[in-house]
């Protein structure tokens, strides 16, 4: 063990460098959505969190992290501040918060049922922003391959390179603000239009489309405002 060494070595010049440390919040589920879709209201309902909410449009400035208990099961949820088109390029709050997304095991895309066309377009666009950010994040790894598939009733999103898996996430769709819609026919039309749009997006990205039943099985309708 040489606890009392009787020799020494001459010191050598050390190294000096500047490092930028990036904080990433750990969570099981990440709520992803454009501004004012009700993510803060959802996390207030699910967890003992008092995130700011209001009856006028605004954007959360910091991520909200909460713990959810369902029986004996506990998991963490993070409310990712509202993302807009171009977020992966730094627009709006941009990738200042996109980095938190990658730590979540489940990507829960929150859509606003009260806004038909714009709500659907924004939700589909966020899939593209997430993929663009992942490509930028792993740019040094070379060209990435994305896969979105159904496995045992769940939607699995993966990024890989040279057959090496870089990340794997579960995908959920959360249709919020049912209290402002409250119409089964419009809900059905909303879902069908959203699923067709998502499949068109996948085809544009060179990915295989999913069955409408697979999308529907991983979609949840919520009403945070009337919880």
Protein backbone atom coordinates (compact mmCIF):
# COMPACT_ATOMS: atom_id res chain seq x y z
CA UNK A 1 0.00 0.00 0.00
CA UNK A 2 2.91 2.49 0.28
CA UNK A 3 1.21 4.70 2.89
CA UNK A 4 4.49 6.44 3.76
CA UNK A 5 6.36 6.97 0.47
CA UNK A 6 10.02 7.84 0.83
CA UNK A 7 10.40 9.36 -2.62
CA UNK A 8 8.85 12.20 -4.61
CA UNK A 9 8.39 13.26 -8.20
CA UNK A 10 9.11 16.68 -9.64
CA UNK A 11 6.03 18.68 -10.48
CA UNK A 12 5.05 19.20 -14.11
CA UNK A 13 3.07 22.00 -15.77
CA UNK A 14 -0.65 21.41 -15.43
CA UNK A 15 -3.47 22.05 -17.89
CA UNK A 16 -5.99 24.85 -17.85
CA UNK A 17 -9.25 25.01 -19.74
CA UNK A 18 -12.64 26.70 -19.63
CA UNK A 19 -15.66 24.41 -19.40
CA UNK A 20 -19.32 25.14 -20.00
CA UNK A 21 -21.54 22.94 -17.82
CA UNK A 22 -25.07 22.26 -19.01
CA UNK A 23 -27.79 21.54 -16.46
CA UNK A 24 -30.42 19.03 -17.55
CA UNK A 25 -33.40 18.38 -15.31
CA UNK A 26 -34.22 14.69 -14.83
CA UNK A 27 -37.82 13.60 -15.34
CA UNK A 28 -39.74 10.52 -16.41
CA UNK A 29 -42.29 12.43 -18.50
CA UNK A 30 -41.72 15.64 -20.44
CA UNK A 31 -44.77 17.75 -21.35
CA UNK A 32 -44.01 19.25 -24.76
CA UNK A 33 -46.19 21.82 -26.46
CA UNK A 34 -46.50 25.30 -27.87
CA UNK A 35 -47.31 28.24 -25.55
CA UNK A 36 -50.70 28.27 -23.80
CA UNK A 37 -51.75 24.67 -24.51
CA UNK A 38 -52.16 24.09 -20.76
CA UNK A 39 -48.96 22.30 -19.75
CA UNK A 40 -48.63 24.26 -16.50
CA UNK A 41 -52.27 23.56 -15.66
CA UNK A 42 -51.71 19.86 -16.30
CA UNK A 43 -48.68 19.63 -14.03
CA UNK A 44 -50.60 21.53 -11.33
CA UNK A 45 -53.35 18.91 -11.55
CA UNK A 46 -51.02 15.92 -11.49
CA UNK A 47 -48.40 17.03 -8.99
CA UNK A 48 -48.08 19.21 -5.90
CA UNK A 49 -46.85 22.13 -7.97
CA UNK A 50 -48.05 25.71 -8.10
CA UNK A 51 -46.90 26.71 -11.55
CA UNK A 52 -48.18 30.07 -12.78
CA UNK A 53 -51.38 29.84 -14.82
CA UNK A 54 -53.70 32.56 -16.12
CA UNK A 55 -56.70 33.10 -18.39
CA UNK A 56 -54.56 34.99 -20.91
CA UNK A 57 -51.76 33.76 -23.21
CA UNK A 58 -48.26 33.78 -21.74
CA UNK A 59 -45.13 31.64 -21.79
CA UNK A 60 -43.64 29.87 -18.79
CA UNK A 61 -40.09 31.13 -18.32
CA UNK A 62 -38.64 28.26 -16.26
CA UNK A 63 -39.30 24.51 -16.35
CA UNK A 64 -41.66 23.20 -13.68
CA UNK A 65 -40.76 19.83 -12.15
CA UNK A 66 -43.22 17.81 -10.09
CA UNK A 67 -43.66 14.33 -8.61
CA UNK A 68 -46.83 12.36 -9.38
CA UNK A 69 -48.18 9.55 -7.20
CA UNK A 70 -50.59 6.94 -8.56
CA UNK A 71 -51.18 4.26 -5.95
CA UNK A 72 -47.75 2.88 -5.07
CA UNK A 73 -46.21 4.20 -8.29
CA UNK A 74 -44.34 7.52 -8.43
CA UNK A 75 -42.86 9.35 -11.38
CA UNK A 76 -41.55 12.82 -12.18
CA UNK A 77 -43.06 15.19 -14.74
CA UNK A 78 -41.45 18.28 -16.24
CA UNK A 79 -43.32 21.09 -17.97
CA UNK A 80 -41.09 22.23 -20.84
CA UNK A 81 -41.69 25.97 -21.48
CA UNK A 82 -43.67 26.60 -24.66
CA UNK A 83 -41.80 25.87 -27.87
CA UNK A 84 -42.38 27.66 -31.17
CA UNK A 85 -41.37 27.04 -34.76
CA UNK A 86 -37.60 27.41 -35.03
CA UNK A 87 -36.98 26.52 -31.38
CA UNK A 88 -34.22 24.10 -32.40
CA UNK A 89 -32.44 27.09 -33.97
CA UNK A 90 -32.79 29.17 -30.81
CA UNK A 91 -35.94 31.10 -31.65
CA UNK A 92 -38.14 32.09 -28.72
CA UNK A 93 -36.86 30.33 -25.61
CA UNK A 94 -35.34 27.88 -28.06
CA UNK A 95 -32.91 25.18 -27.12
CA UNK A 96 -32.39 26.74 -23.69
CA UNK A 97 -35.16 24.32 -22.68
CA UNK A 98 -35.00 21.71 -25.41
CA UNK A 99 -32.02 20.20 -23.61
CA UNK A 100 -34.32 19.18 -20.74
CA UNK A 101 -36.46 17.17 -23.16
CA UNK A 102 -33.77 14.60 -23.88
CA UNK A 103 -33.64 13.48 -20.25
CA UNK A 104 -37.32 12.51 -20.17
CA UNK A 105 -38.16 8.86 -20.82
CA UNK A 106 -41.58 9.75 -22.22
CA UNK A 107 -42.33 12.58 -24.67
CA UNK A 108 -45.92 13.73 -24.05
CA UNK A 109 -46.96 16.11 -26.82
CA UNK A 110 -49.74 18.39 -25.53
CA UNK A 111 -52.19 19.79 -28.09
CA UNK A 112 -54.95 22.39 -27.67
CA UNK A 113 -58.38 21.03 -28.63
CA UNK A 114 -59.84 24.54 -28.72
CA UNK A 115 -57.67 25.46 -31.72
CA UNK A 116 -58.34 23.06 -34.58
CA UNK A 117 -56.02 23.79 -37.52
CA UNK A 118 -53.39 25.83 -35.68
CA UNK A 119 -53.27 23.37 -32.76
CA UNK A 120 -52.72 20.44 -35.11
CA UNK A 121 -50.07 22.25 -37.16
CA UNK A 122 -48.16 23.29 -34.04
CA UNK A 123 -48.16 19.75 -32.63
CA UNK A 124 -46.86 18.26 -35.88
CA UNK A 125 -44.27 21.03 -36.11
CA UNK A 126 -42.95 20.19 -32.64
CA UNK A 127 -42.08 16.68 -33.80
CA UNK A 128 -39.86 18.32 -36.40
CA UNK A 129 -38.29 20.67 -33.84
CA UNK A 130 -37.42 17.78 -31.53
CA UNK A 131 -35.86 15.80 -34.39
CA UNK A 132 -33.90 18.87 -35.57
CA UNK A 133 -32.58 19.46 -32.06
CA UNK A 134 -31.52 15.83 -31.68
CA UNK A 135 -29.69 16.01 -35.01
CA UNK A 136 -27.89 19.15 -33.85
CA UNK A 137 -27.11 17.65 -30.43
CA UNK A 138 -25.53 14.55 -31.93
CA UNK A 139 -24.04 16.25 -34.99
CA UNK A 140 -20.58 14.95 -34.07
CA UNK A 141 -21.93 11.41 -34.20
CA UNK A 142 -22.55 11.66 -37.96
CA UNK A 143 -25.78 11.06 -39.86
CA UNK A 144 -28.62 9.84 -37.66
CA UNK A 145 -31.46 7.48 -38.45
CA UNK A 146 -34.83 8.03 -36.80
CA UNK A 147 -37.42 5.34 -36.15
CA UNK A 148 -40.96 5.68 -34.85
CA UNK A 149 -42.64 2.31 -34.36
CA UNK A 150 -45.31 0.50 -32.42
CA UNK A 151 -44.14 -2.03 -29.85
CA UNK A 152 -46.50 -3.88 -27.51
CA UNK A 153 -49.12 -1.17 -27.92
CA UNK A 154 -46.68 1.69 -27.22
CA UNK A 155 -45.12 4.20 -29.63
CA UNK A 156 -41.32 4.10 -29.50
CA UNK A 157 -39.17 6.86 -30.96
CA UNK A 158 -35.50 6.07 -31.48
CA UNK A 159 -32.38 7.70 -32.91
CA UNK A 160 -29.50 5.52 -34.00
CA UNK A 161 -26.24 5.67 -35.94
CA UNK A 162 -24.42 2.73 -37.47
CA UNK A 163 -26.79 0.37 -35.66
CA UNK A 164 -25.88 2.01 -32.34
CA UNK A 165 -28.89 3.20 -30.33
CA UNK A 166 -28.39 6.80 -29.15
CA UNK A 167 -31.76 7.37 -27.50
CA UNK A 168 -35.14 5.68 -27.12
CA UNK A 169 -38.32 7.44 -25.94
CA UNK A 170 -41.99 6.58 -25.59
CA UNK A 171 -44.46 8.90 -27.31
CA UNK A 172 -47.85 10.05 -25.99
CA UNK A 173 -50.36 12.51 -27.40
CA UNK A 174 -52.30 14.58 -24.85
CA UNK A 175 -55.35 16.47 -26.18
CA UNK A 176 -56.04 19.14 -23.59
CA UNK A 177 -58.86 21.64 -23.00
CA UNK A 178 -61.69 19.19 -23.61
CA UNK A 179 -63.87 21.50 -21.50
CA UNK A 180 -63.65 24.15 -24.23
CA UNK A 181 -64.66 21.67 -26.93
CA UNK A 182 -67.06 19.16 -25.36
CA UNK A 183 -68.10 17.77 -28.74
CA UNK A 184 -67.45 14.11 -29.59
CA UNK A 185 -67.85 14.61 -33.34
CA UNK A 186 -65.34 17.45 -33.50
CA UNK A 187 -62.98 15.47 -31.25
CA UNK A 188 -63.10 12.52 -33.64
CA UNK A 189 -62.44 14.81 -36.62
CA UNK A 190 -59.59 16.52 -34.73
CA UNK A 191 -57.94 13.18 -33.98
CA UNK A 192 -58.27 11.87 -37.53
CA UNK A 193 -56.85 15.08 -38.99
CA UNK A 194 -53.97 15.05 -36.50
CA UNK A 195 -53.09 11.40 -37.16
CA UNK A 196 -53.16 11.86 -40.94
CA UNK A 197 -50.97 14.96 -40.58
CA UNK A 198 -48.49 13.10 -38.37
CA UNK A 199 -48.28 10.24 -40.88
CA UNK A 200 -47.72 12.73 -43.71
CA UNK A 201 -44.90 14.24 -41.64
CA UNK A 202 -43.35 10.79 -41.10
CA UNK A 203 -43.50 10.07 -44.81
CA UNK A 204 -41.76 13.38 -45.58
CA UNK A 205 -38.99 12.37 -43.16
CA UNK A 206 -38.64 8.97 -44.83
CA UNK A 207 -40.17 7.11 -41.88
CA UNK A 208 -42.88 4.47 -41.93
CA UNK A 209 -46.36 5.69 -41.08
CA UNK A 210 -48.27 4.27 -38.14
CA UNK A 211 -51.78 2.87 -38.07
CA UNK A 212 -54.51 5.22 -36.89
CA UNK A 213 -55.34 2.71 -34.15
CA UNK A 214 -51.73 2.91 -32.85
CA UNK A 215 -51.95 6.71 -32.63
CA UNK A 216 -55.35 6.52 -30.97
CA UNK A 217 -54.21 3.95 -28.38
CA UNK A 218 -51.52 6.38 -27.21
CA UNK A 219 -53.73 9.47 -27.14
CA UNK A 220 -55.36 10.84 -24.00
CA UNK A 221 -58.04 13.51 -23.75
CA UNK A 222 -57.72 15.79 -20.73
CA UNK A 223 -59.33 18.85 -19.19
CA UNK A 224 -56.91 20.51 -16.79
CA UNK A 225 -59.22 23.49 -16.40
CA UNK A 226 -62.02 21.45 -14.84
CA UNK A 227 -59.91 19.06 -12.75
